[in-house]
All heavy atoms as atom14 arrays in JSON, in Angstrom:
{
  "sequence": "CSEAVFILDVENDALLDVNDHAAEILGYSREELLSVPISKIHPDEMP",
  "atom14_mask": [
    [1, 1, 1, 1, 1, 1, 0, 0, 0, 0, 0, 0, 0, 0],
    [1, 1, 1, 1, 1, 1, 0, 0, 0, 0, 0, 0, 0, 0],
    [1, 1, 1, 1, 1, 1, 1, 1, 1, 0, 0, 0, 0, 0],
    [1, 1, 1, 1, 1, 0, 0, 0, 0, 0, 0, 0, 0, 0],
    [1, 1, 1, 1, 1, 1, 1, 0, 0, 0, 0, 0, 0, 0],
    [1, 1, 1, 1, 1, 1, 1, 1, 1, 1, 1, 0, 0, 0],
    [1, 1, 1, 1, 1, 1, 1, 1, 0, 0, 0, 0, 0, 0],
    [1, 1, 1, 1, 1, 1, 1, 1, 0, 0, 0, 0, 0, 0],
    [1, 1, 1, 1, 1, 1, 1, 1, 0, 0, 0, 0, 0, 0],
    [1, 1, 1, 1, 1, 1, 1, 0, 0, 0, 0, 0, 0, 0],
    [1, 1, 1, 1, 1, 1, 1, 1, 1, 0, 0, 0, 0, 0],
    [1, 1, 1, 1, 1, 1, 1, 1, 0, 0, 0, 0, 0, 0],
    [1, 1, 1, 1, 1, 1, 1, 1, 0, 0, 0, 0, 0, 0],
    [1, 1, 1, 1, 1, 0, 0, 0, 0, 0, 0, 0, 0, 0],
    [1, 1, 1, 1, 1, 1, 1, 1, 0, 0, 0, 0, 0, 0],
    [1, 1, 1, 1, 1, 1, 1, 1, 0, 0, 0, 0, 0, 0],
    [1, 1, 1, 1, 1, 1, 1, 1, 0, 0, 0, 0, 0, 0],
    [1, 1, 1, 1, 1, 1, 1, 0, 0, 0, 0, 0, 0, 0],
    [1, 1, 1, 1, 1, 1, 1, 1, 0, 0, 0, 0, 0, 0],
    [1, 1, 1, 1, 1, 1, 1, 1, 0, 0, 0, 0, 0, 0],
    [1, 1, 1, 1, 1, 1, 1, 1, 1, 1, 0, 0, 0, 0],
    [1, 1, 1, 1, 1, 0, 0, 0, 0, 0, 0, 0, 0, 0],
    [1, 1, 1, 1, 1, 0, 0, 0, 0, 0, 0, 0, 0, 0],
    [1, 1, 1, 1, 1, 1, 1, 1, 1, 0, 0, 0, 0, 0],
    [1, 1, 1, 1, 1, 1, 1, 1, 0, 0, 0, 0, 0, 0],
    [1, 1, 1, 1, 1, 1, 1, 1, 0, 0, 0, 0, 0, 0],
    [1, 1, 1, 1, 0, 0, 0, 0, 0, 0, 0, 0, 0, 0],
    [1, 1, 1, 1, 1, 1, 1, 1, 1, 1, 1, 1, 0, 0],
    [1, 1, 1, 1, 1, 1, 0, 0, 0, 0, 0, 0, 0, 0],
    [1, 1, 1, 1, 1, 1, 1, 1, 1, 1, 1, 0, 0, 0],
    [1, 1, 1, 1, 1, 1, 1, 1, 1, 0, 0, 0, 0, 0],
    [1, 1, 1, 1, 1, 1, 1, 1, 1, 0, 0, 0, 0, 0],
    [1, 1, 1, 1, 1, 1, 1, 1, 0, 0, 0, 0, 0, 0],
    [1, 1, 1, 1, 1, 1, 1, 1, 0, 0, 0, 0, 0, 0],
    [1, 1, 1, 1, 1, 1, 0, 0, 0, 0, 0, 0, 0, 0],
    [1, 1, 1, 1, 1, 1, 1, 0, 0, 0, 0, 0, 0, 0],
    [1, 1, 1, 1, 1, 1, 1, 0, 0, 0, 0, 0, 0, 0],
    [1, 1, 1, 1, 1, 1, 1, 1, 0, 0, 0, 0, 0, 0],
    [1, 1, 1, 1, 1, 1, 0, 0, 0, 0, 0, 0, 0, 0],
    [1, 1, 1, 1, 1, 1, 1, 1, 1, 0, 0, 0, 0, 0],
    [1, 1, 1, 1, 1, 1, 1, 1, 0, 0, 0, 0, 0, 0],
    [1, 1, 1, 1, 1, 1, 1, 1, 1, 1, 0, 0, 0, 0],
    [1, 1, 1, 1, 1, 1, 1, 0, 0, 0, 0, 0, 0, 0],
    [1, 1, 1, 1, 1, 1, 1, 1, 0, 0, 0, 0, 0, 0],
    [1, 1, 1, 1, 1, 1, 1, 1, 1, 0, 0, 0, 0, 0],
    [1, 1, 1, 1, 1, 1, 1, 1, 0, 0, 0, 0, 0, 0],
    [1, 1, 1, 1, 1, 1, 1, 0, 0, 0, 0, 0, 0, 0]
  ],
  "atom14_positions": [
    [[0.84, -1.19, 0.0], [0.0, 0.0, 0.0], [0.88, 1.25, 0.0], [1.84, 1.35, 0.77], [-0.92, 0.0, 1.22], [-2.17, 1.28, 1.13], [0.0, 0.0, 0.0], [0.0, 0.0, 0.0], [0.0, 0.0, 0.0], [0.0, 0.0, 0.0], [0.0, 0.0, 0.0], [0.0, 0.0, 0.0], [0.0, 0.0, 0.0], [0.0, 0.0, 0.0]],
    [[0.56, 2.2, -0.87], [1.36, 3.42, -0.97], [1.0, 4.43, 0.12], [1.68, 5.42, 0.29], [1.19, 4.07, -2.35], [-0.16, 4.43, -2.54], [0.0, 0.0, 0.0], [0.0, 0.0, 0.0], [0.0, 0.0, 0.0], [0.0, 0.0, 0.0], [0.0, 0.0, 0.0], [0.0, 0.0, 0.0], [0.0, 0.0, 0.0], [0.0, 0.0, 0.0]],
    [[-0.06, 4.18, 0.86], [-0.45, 5.04, 1.96], [0.05, 4.44, 3.27], [0.4, 3.27, 3.34], [-1.97, 5.2, 1.99], [-2.5, 5.91, 0.76], [-4.0, 6.0, 0.73], [-4.68, 5.09, 1.25], [-4.51, 6.98, 0.17], [0.0, 0.0, 0.0], [0.0, 0.0, 0.0], [0.0, 0.0, 0.0], [0.0, 0.0, 0.0], [0.0, 0.0, 0.0]],
    [[0.06, 5.26, 4.31], [0.42, 4.78, 5.64], [-0.72, 3.89, 6.15], [-1.89, 4.26, 6.05], [0.63, 5.95, 6.58], [0.0, 0.0, 0.0], [0.0, 0.0, 0.0], [0.0, 0.0, 0.0], [0.0, 0.0, 0.0], [0.0, 0.0, 0.0], [0.0, 0.0, 0.0], [0.0, 0.0, 0.0], [0.0, 0.0, 0.0], [0.0, 0.0, 0.0]],
    [[-0.39, 2.72, 6.66], [-1.39, 1.77, 7.14], [-1.21, 1.59, 8.65], [-0.1, 1.33, 9.13], [-1.25, 0.39, 6.45], [-2.29, -0.59, 6.98], [-1.35, 0.53, 4.94], [0.0, 0.0, 0.0], [0.0, 0.0, 0.0], [0.0, 0.0, 0.0], [0.0, 0.0, 0.0], [0.0, 0.0, 0.0], [0.0, 0.0, 0.0], [0.0, 0.0, 0.0]],
    [[-2.31, 1.74, 9.37], [-2.32, 1.56, 10.82], [-3.4, 0.55, 11.18], [-4.52, 0.65, 10.67], [-2.68, 2.87, 11.53], [-1.69, 3.98, 11.34], [-1.73, 4.77, 10.2], [-0.73, 4.25, 12.31], [-0.83, 5.81, 10.03], [0.17, 5.3, 12.14], [0.12, 6.07, 11.0], [0.0, 0.0, 0.0], [0.0, 0.0, 0.0], [0.0, 0.0, 0.0]],
    [[-3.08, -0.4, 12.05], [-4.08, -1.28, 12.64], [-4.26, -0.76, 14.06], [-3.32, -0.76, 14.86], [-3.64, -2.76, 12.66], [-3.23, -3.23, 11.26], [-4.76, -3.62, 13.25], [-4.32, -3.22, 10.23], [0.0, 0.0, 0.0], [0.0, 0.0, 0.0], [0.0, 0.0, 0.0], [0.0, 0.0, 0.0], [0.0, 0.0, 0.0], [0.0, 0.0, 0.0]],
    [[-5.47, -0.27, 14.36], [-5.73, 0.44, 15.6], [-6.67, -0.34, 16.52], [-7.71, -0.82, 16.08], [-6.4, 1.79, 15.29], [-5.72, 2.67, 14.25], [-6.7, 3.7, 13.73], [-4.52, 3.32, 14.86], [0.0, 0.0, 0.0], [0.0, 0.0, 0.0], [0.0, 0.0, 0.0], [0.0, 0.0, 0.0], [0.0, 0.0, 0.0], [0.0, 0.0, 0.0]],
    [[-6.3, -0.41, 17.78], [-7.19, -0.91, 18.83], [-7.48, 0.28, 19.72], [-6.78, 0.55, 20.69], [-6.51, -2.03, 19.61], [-7.37, -2.59, 20.73], [-8.46, -2.03, 20.99], [-6.95, -3.58, 21.35], [0.0, 0.0, 0.0], [0.0, 0.0, 0.0], [0.0, 0.0, 0.0], [0.0, 0.0, 0.0], [0.0, 0.0, 0.0], [0.0, 0.0, 0.0]],
    [[-8.49, 1.05, 19.34], [-8.78, 2.31, 20.02], [-9.22, 2.06, 21.46], [-8.88, 2.81, 22.36], [-9.82, 3.12, 19.23], [-10.2, 4.4, 19.96], [-9.28, 3.44, 17.85], [0.0, 0.0, 0.0], [0.0, 0.0, 0.0], [0.0, 0.0, 0.0], [0.0, 0.0, 0.0], [0.0, 0.0, 0.0], [0.0, 0.0, 0.0], [0.0, 0.0, 0.0]],
    [[-9.95, 0.98, 21.66], [-10.42, 0.65, 23.02], [-9.24, 0.56, 23.99], [-9.35, 0.98, 25.14], [-11.18, -0.67, 22.97], [-11.75, -1.12, 24.29], [-12.51, -2.42, 24.14], [-13.39, -2.5, 23.25], [-12.22, -3.36, 24.9], [0.0, 0.0, 0.0], [0.0, 0.0, 0.0], [0.0, 0.0, 0.0], [0.0, 0.0, 0.0], [0.0, 0.0, 0.0]],
    [[-8.13, 0.04, 23.54], [-6.94, -0.12, 24.39], [-5.85, 0.9, 24.1], [-4.72, 0.75, 24.58], [-6.39, -1.54, 24.25], [-7.36, -2.56, 24.81], [-7.79, -2.45, 25.95], [-7.73, -3.53, 24.0], [0.0, 0.0, 0.0], [0.0, 0.0, 0.0], [0.0, 0.0, 0.0], [0.0, 0.0, 0.0], [0.0, 0.0, 0.0], [0.0, 0.0, 0.0]],
    [[-6.17, 1.95, 23.3], [-5.24, 3.03, 22.98], [-3.92, 2.47, 22.42], [-2.84, 2.9, 22.79], [-4.96, 3.89, 24.23], [-4.31, 5.22, 23.89], [-4.38, 5.66, 22.72], [-3.71, 5.82, 24.81], [0.0, 0.0, 0.0], [0.0, 0.0, 0.0], [0.0, 0.0, 0.0], [0.0, 0.0, 0.0], [0.0, 0.0, 0.0], [0.0, 0.0, 0.0]],
    [[-4.04, 1.5, 21.51], [-2.84, 0.81, 21.03], [-2.8, 0.69, 19.51], [-3.82, 0.51, 18.85], [-2.8, -0.6, 21.63], [0.0, 0.0, 0.0], [0.0, 0.0, 0.0], [0.0, 0.0, 0.0], [0.0, 0.0, 0.0], [0.0, 0.0, 0.0], [0.0, 0.0, 0.0], [0.0, 0.0, 0.0], [0.0, 0.0, 0.0], [0.0, 0.0, 0.0]],
    [[-1.59, 0.81, 18.98], [-1.31, 0.48, 17.58], [-0.87, -0.97, 17.57], [0.07, -1.35, 18.27], [-0.19, 1.36, 17.04], [-0.54, 2.83, 16.86], [0.72, 3.63, 16.58], [-1.54, 3.0, 15.74], [0.0, 0.0, 0.0], [0.0, 0.0, 0.0], [0.0, 0.0, 0.0], [0.0, 0.0, 0.0], [0.0, 0.0, 0.0], [0.0, 0.0, 0.0]],
    [[-1.55, -1.79, 16.78], [-1.22, -3.21, 16.72], [-0.22, -3.53, 15.62], [0.55, -4.47, 15.73], [-2.49, -4.04, 16.54], [-3.52, -3.86, 17.64], [-4.77, -4.67, 17.32], [-2.95, -4.25, 19.0], [0.0, 0.0, 0.0], [0.0, 0.0, 0.0], [0.0, 0.0, 0.0], [0.0, 0.0, 0.0], [0.0, 0.0, 0.0], [0.0, 0.0, 0.0]],
    [[-0.29, -2.76, 14.54], [0.66, -2.95, 13.45], [0.63, -1.7, 12.59], [-0.36, -0.96, 12.57], [0.3, -4.17, 12.61], [1.5, -4.73, 11.85], [2.62, -4.19, 11.97], [1.31, -5.72, 11.12], [0.0, 0.0, 0.0], [0.0, 0.0, 0.0], [0.0, 0.0, 0.0], [0.0, 0.0, 0.0], [0.0, 0.0, 0.0], [0.0, 0.0, 0.0]],
    [[1.73, -1.45, 11.93], [1.85, -0.33, 10.98], [2.76, -0.78, 9.86], [3.56, -1.68, 10.03], [2.44, 0.95, 11.65], [1.54, 1.47, 12.75], [3.85, 0.69, 12.17], [0.0, 0.0, 0.0], [0.0, 0.0, 0.0], [0.0, 0.0, 0.0], [0.0, 0.0, 0.0], [0.0, 0.0, 0.0], [0.0, 0.0, 0.0], [0.0, 0.0, 0.0]],
    [[2.63, -0.12, 8.71], [3.6, -0.39, 7.65], [4.75, 0.61, 7.76], [4.7, 1.55, 8.58], [2.95, -0.4, 6.26], [2.44, 0.95, 5.81], [2.48, 1.95, 6.53], [1.93, 1.0, 4.58], [0.0, 0.0, 0.0], [0.0, 0.0, 0.0], [0.0, 0.0, 0.0], [0.0, 0.0, 0.0], [0.0, 0.0, 0.0], [0.0, 0.0, 0.0]],
    [[5.78, 0.42, 6.98], [6.95, 1.29, 7.05], [6.6, 2.74, 6.72], [7.16, 3.67, 7.29], [8.06, 0.79, 6.13], [8.67, -0.52, 6.61], [8.6, -0.8, 7.82], [9.21, -1.25, 5.77], [0.0, 0.0, 0.0], [0.0, 0.0, 0.0], [0.0, 0.0, 0.0], [0.0, 0.0, 0.0], [0.0, 0.0, 0.0], [0.0, 0.0, 0.0]],
    [[5.67, 2.93, 5.79], [5.29, 4.29, 5.39], [4.65, 5.05, 6.57], [4.83, 6.25, 6.71], [4.37, 4.25, 4.19], [4.1, 5.58, 3.59], [5.11, 6.42, 3.14], [2.95, 6.25, 3.39], [4.58, 7.53, 2.68], [3.27, 7.45, 2.82], [0.0, 0.0, 0.0], [0.0, 0.0, 0.0], [0.0, 0.0, 0.0], [0.0, 0.0, 0.0]],
    [[3.89, 4.36, 7.4], [3.27, 4.99, 8.57], [4.35, 5.54, 9.5], [4.26, 6.67, 9.96], [2.39, 3.99, 9.31], [0.0, 0.0, 0.0], [0.0, 0.0, 0.0], [0.0, 0.0, 0.0], [0.0, 0.0, 0.0], [0.0, 0.0, 0.0], [0.0, 0.0, 0.0], [0.0, 0.0, 0.0], [0.0, 0.0, 0.0], [0.0, 0.0, 0.0]],
    [[5.36, 4.74, 9.76], [6.46, 5.2, 10.61], [7.18, 6.38, 9.97], [7.5, 7.37, 10.63], [7.42, 4.05, 10.89], [0.0, 0.0, 0.0], [0.0, 0.0, 0.0], [0.0, 0.0, 0.0], [0.0, 0.0, 0.0], [0.0, 0.0, 0.0], [0.0, 0.0, 0.0], [0.0, 0.0, 0.0], [0.0, 0.0, 0.0], [0.0, 0.0, 0.0]],
    [[7.39, 6.28, 8.67], [8.12, 7.32, 7.94], [7.42, 8.67, 8.01], [8.05, 9.69, 8.31], [8.28, 6.88, 6.49], [9.01, 7.87, 5.61], [9.05, 7.37, 4.17], [9.5, 6.24, 3.94], [8.59, 8.13, 3.3], [0.0, 0.0, 0.0], [0.0, 0.0, 0.0], [0.0, 0.0, 0.0], [0.0, 0.0, 0.0], [0.0, 0.0, 0.0]],
    [[6.11, 8.72, 7.75], [5.44, 10.03, 7.73], [5.34, 10.65, 9.12], [5.28, 11.87, 9.24], [4.05, 9.99, 7.06], [3.05, 9.2, 7.89], [4.11, 9.51, 5.65], [1.61, 9.42, 7.46], [0.0, 0.0, 0.0], [0.0, 0.0, 0.0], [0.0, 0.0, 0.0], [0.0, 0.0, 0.0], [0.0, 0.0, 0.0], [0.0, 0.0, 0.0]],
    [[5.36, 9.82, 10.16], [5.3, 10.36, 11.51], [6.68, 10.54, 12.15], [6.78, 11.07, 13.26], [4.42, 9.47, 12.39], [2.94, 9.44, 11.99], [2.16, 8.52, 12.9], [2.33, 10.83, 11.99], [0.0, 0.0, 0.0], [0.0, 0.0, 0.0], [0.0, 0.0, 0.0], [0.0, 0.0, 0.0], [0.0, 0.0, 0.0], [0.0, 0.0, 0.0]],
    [[7.73, 10.09, 11.47], [9.08, 10.32, 11.95], [9.58, 9.35, 13.01], [10.54, 9.64, 13.73], [0.0, 0.0, 0.0], [0.0, 0.0, 0.0], [0.0, 0.0, 0.0], [0.0, 0.0, 0.0], [0.0, 0.0, 0.0], [0.0, 0.0, 0.0], [0.0, 0.0, 0.0], [0.0, 0.0, 0.0], [0.0, 0.0, 0.0], [0.0, 0.0, 0.0]],
    [[8.98, 8.2, 13.11], [9.37, 7.16, 14.07], [10.0, 5.99, 13.32], [9.75, 5.81, 12.13], [8.15, 6.6, 14.8], [7.47, 7.52, 15.77], [6.45, 8.37, 15.35], [7.81, 7.52, 17.11], [5.79, 9.2, 16.24], [7.16, 8.35, 18.01], [6.15, 9.19, 17.57], [5.51, 10.01, 18.45], [0.0, 0.0, 0.0], [0.0, 0.0, 0.0]],
    [[10.74, 5.16, 14.04], [11.05, 3.85, 13.5], [9.77, 3.02, 13.68], [8.89, 3.39, 14.49], [12.21, 3.19, 14.25], [11.8, 2.8, 15.55], [0.0, 0.0, 0.0], [0.0, 0.0, 0.0], [0.0, 0.0, 0.0], [0.0, 0.0, 0.0], [0.0, 0.0, 0.0], [0.0, 0.0, 0.0], [0.0, 0.0, 0.0], [0.0, 0.0, 0.0]],
    [[9.63, 1.95, 12.94], [8.44, 1.11, 13.07], [8.3, 0.6, 14.5], [7.21, 0.59, 15.07], [8.54, -0.06, 12.09], [7.29, -0.89, 12.03], [7.37, -1.94, 10.92], [6.2, -2.77, 10.97], [6.02, -3.77, 11.83], [6.95, -4.06, 12.7], [4.9, -4.48, 11.83], [0.0, 0.0, 0.0], [0.0, 0.0, 0.0], [0.0, 0.0, 0.0]],
    [[9.4, 0.17, 15.11], [9.38, -0.36, 16.47], [8.95, 0.72, 17.47], [8.17, 0.45, 18.38], [10.75, -0.92, 16.85], [11.16, -2.16, 16.07], [11.58, -1.86, 14.63], [11.97, -0.7, 14.32], [11.49, -2.78, 13.79], [0.0, 0.0, 0.0], [0.0, 0.0, 0.0], [0.0, 0.0, 0.0], [0.0, 0.0, 0.0], [0.0, 0.0, 0.0]],
    [[9.47, 1.94, 17.29], [9.06, 3.04, 18.18], [7.57, 3.3, 18.05], [6.87, 3.46, 19.05], [9.79, 4.33, 17.81], [11.22, 4.42, 18.21], [11.85, 5.7, 17.7], [11.62, 6.1, 16.53], [12.59, 6.31, 18.49], [0.0, 0.0, 0.0], [0.0, 0.0, 0.0], [0.0, 0.0, 0.0], [0.0, 0.0, 0.0], [0.0, 0.0, 0.0]],
    [[7.09, 3.37, 16.83], [5.69, 3.7, 16.6], [4.77, 2.67, 17.22], [3.73, 3.01, 17.78], [5.41, 3.86, 15.11], [4.04, 4.43, 14.74], [3.78, 5.75, 15.44], [3.94, 4.6, 13.24], [0.0, 0.0, 0.0], [0.0, 0.0, 0.0], [0.0, 0.0, 0.0], [0.0, 0.0, 0.0], [0.0, 0.0, 0.0], [0.0, 0.0, 0.0]],
    [[5.14, 1.4, 17.17], [4.31, 0.36, 17.76], [4.25, 0.46, 19.28], [3.37, -0.11, 19.91], [4.78, -1.02, 17.32], [4.47, -1.34, 15.86], [5.11, -2.66, 15.46], [2.98, -1.35, 15.6], [0.0, 0.0, 0.0], [0.0, 0.0, 0.0], [0.0, 0.0, 0.0], [0.0, 0.0, 0.0], [0.0, 0.0, 0.0], [0.0, 0.0, 0.0]],
    [[5.18, 1.19, 19.89], [5.16, 1.35, 21.34], [4.47, 2.65, 21.77], [4.32, 2.92, 22.96], [6.59, 1.32, 21.9], [7.31, 2.48, 21.5], [0.0, 0.0, 0.0], [0.0, 0.0, 0.0], [0.0, 0.0, 0.0], [0.0, 0.0, 0.0], [0.0, 0.0, 0.0], [0.0, 0.0, 0.0], [0.0, 0.0, 0.0], [0.0, 0.0, 0.0]],
    [[4.03, 3.46, 20.8], [3.39, 4.74, 21.09], [1.88, 4.54, 21.16], [1.29, 3.93, 20.26], [3.75, 5.76, 19.97], [2.93, 7.02, 20.11], [5.23, 6.06, 19.98], [0.0, 0.0, 0.0], [0.0, 0.0, 0.0], [0.0, 0.0, 0.0], [0.0, 0.0, 0.0], [0.0, 0.0, 0.0], [0.0, 0.0, 0.0], [0.0, 0.0, 0.0]],
    [[1.23, 5.05, 22.2], [-0.24, 4.95, 22.23], [-0.88, 5.85, 21.17], [-0.29, 6.86, 20.76], [-0.61, 5.43, 23.64], [0.57, 6.17, 24.15], [1.77, 5.68, 23.39], [0.0, 0.0, 0.0], [0.0, 0.0, 0.0], [0.0, 0.0, 0.0], [0.0, 0.0, 0.0], [0.0, 0.0, 0.0], [0.0, 0.0, 0.0], [0.0, 0.0, 0.0]],
    [[-2.06, 5.48, 20.73], [-2.78, 6.28, 19.74], [-2.96, 7.71, 20.24], [-2.86, 8.66, 19.48], [-4.15, 5.64, 19.42], [-3.97, 4.27, 18.79], [-4.97, 6.54, 18.5], [-5.24, 3.45, 18.73], [0.0, 0.0, 0.0], [0.0, 0.0, 0.0], [0.0, 0.0, 0.0], [0.0, 0.0, 0.0], [0.0, 0.0, 0.0], [0.0, 0.0, 0.0]],
    [[-3.2, 7.86, 21.53], [-3.44, 9.19, 22.09], [-2.23, 10.12, 21.96], [-2.37, 11.33, 22.06], [-3.86, 9.08, 23.56], [-2.9, 8.38, 24.31], [0.0, 0.0, 0.0], [0.0, 0.0, 0.0], [0.0, 0.0, 0.0], [0.0, 0.0, 0.0], [0.0, 0.0, 0.0], [0.0, 0.0, 0.0], [0.0, 0.0, 0.0], [0.0, 0.0, 0.0]],
    [[-1.05, 9.58, 21.71], [0.12, 10.43, 21.48], [0.12, 10.95, 20.04], [0.62, 12.03, 19.76], [1.41, 9.68, 21.77], [2.64, 10.57, 21.68], [3.88, 9.92, 22.22], [5.04, 10.9, 22.11], [6.26, 10.32, 22.67], [0.0, 0.0, 0.0], [0.0, 0.0, 0.0], [0.0, 0.0, 0.0], [0.0, 0.0, 0.0], [0.0, 0.0, 0.0]],
    [[-0.45, 10.17, 19.13], [-0.5, 10.57, 17.72], [-1.65, 11.56, 17.49], [-1.56, 12.44, 16.66], [-0.65, 9.33, 16.82], [0.58, 8.45, 16.98], [-0.85, 9.73, 15.37], [0.42, 7.09, 16.35], [0.0, 0.0, 0.0], [0.0, 0.0, 0.0], [0.0, 0.0, 0.0], [0.0, 0.0, 0.0], [0.0, 0.0, 0.0], [0.0, 0.0, 0.0]],
    [[-2.73, 11.42, 18.23], [-3.9, 12.31, 18.14], [-4.15, 12.96, 19.5], [-5.24, 12.84, 20.06], [-5.16, 11.52, 17.73], [-5.1, 10.94, 16.36], [-5.3, 11.69, 15.22], [-4.86, 9.67, 15.95], [-5.19, 10.9, 14.16], [-4.93, 9.68, 14.58], [0.0, 0.0, 0.0], [0.0, 0.0, 0.0], [0.0, 0.0, 0.0], [0.0, 0.0, 0.0]],
    [[-3.17, 13.64, 20.1], [-3.3, 14.08, 21.49], [-4.43, 15.06, 21.76], [-5.06, 14.99, 22.81], [-1.94, 14.71, 21.8], [-1.42, 15.13, 20.47], [-1.92, 14.09, 19.5], [0.0, 0.0, 0.0], [0.0, 0.0, 0.0], [0.0, 0.0, 0.0], [0.0, 0.0, 0.0], [0.0, 0.0, 0.0], [0.0, 0.0, 0.0], [0.0, 0.0, 0.0]],
    [[-4.67, 15.97, 20.86], [-5.68, 16.99, 21.1], [-7.04, 16.63, 20.53], [-8.0, 17.39, 20.7], [-5.22, 18.32, 20.5], [-3.87, 18.74, 21.03], [-3.63, 18.53, 22.24], [-3.05, 19.25, 20.24], [0.0, 0.0, 0.0], [0.0, 0.0, 0.0], [0.0, 0.0, 0.0], [0.0, 0.0, 0.0], [0.0, 0.0, 0.0], [0.0, 0.0, 0.0]],
    [[-7.13, 15.49, 19.87], [-8.35, 15.16, 19.13], [-8.94, 13.81, 19.49], [-9.74, 13.28, 18.74], [-8.04, 15.17, 17.63], [-7.58, 16.51, 17.13], [-7.36, 16.5, 15.64], [-7.1, 15.42, 15.08], [-7.48, 17.56, 15.04], [0.0, 0.0, 0.0], [0.0, 0.0, 0.0], [0.0, 0.0, 0.0], [0.0, 0.0, 0.0], [0.0, 0.0, 0.0]],
    [[-8.56, 13.26, 20.63], [-9.05, 11.91, 20.93], [-10.58, 11.83, 20.97], [-11.13, 10.85, 20.45], [-8.43, 11.38, 22.22], [-7.01, 10.85, 22.03], [-6.82, 9.62, 20.71], [-7.57, 8.17, 21.46], [0.0, 0.0, 0.0], [0.0, 0.0, 0.0], [0.0, 0.0, 0.0], [0.0, 0.0, 0.0], [0.0, 0.0, 0.0], [0.0, 0.0, 0.0]],
    [[-11.32, 12.81, 21.5], [-12.79, 12.67, 21.43], [-13.29, 12.6, 19.99], [-14.14, 11.76, 19.67], [-13.3, 13.93, 22.16], [-12.19, 14.29, 23.09], [-10.93, 13.94, 22.34], [0.0, 0.0, 0.0], [0.0, 0.0, 0.0], [0.0, 0.0, 0.0], [0.0, 0.0, 0.0], [0.0, 0.0, 0.0], [0.0, 0.0, 0.0], [0.0, 0.0, 0.0]]
  ]
}
């Protein structure tokens, strides 16, 4: 996929998987991004 792909478990505020492009556009390594809660990526917009 040419777009960033995220598998999200919003109930548990967790990223379950991402592709390399997802990490690239957000400036993380893939491993770092998988350890980041969703609320850190959308901090002001969680509701």
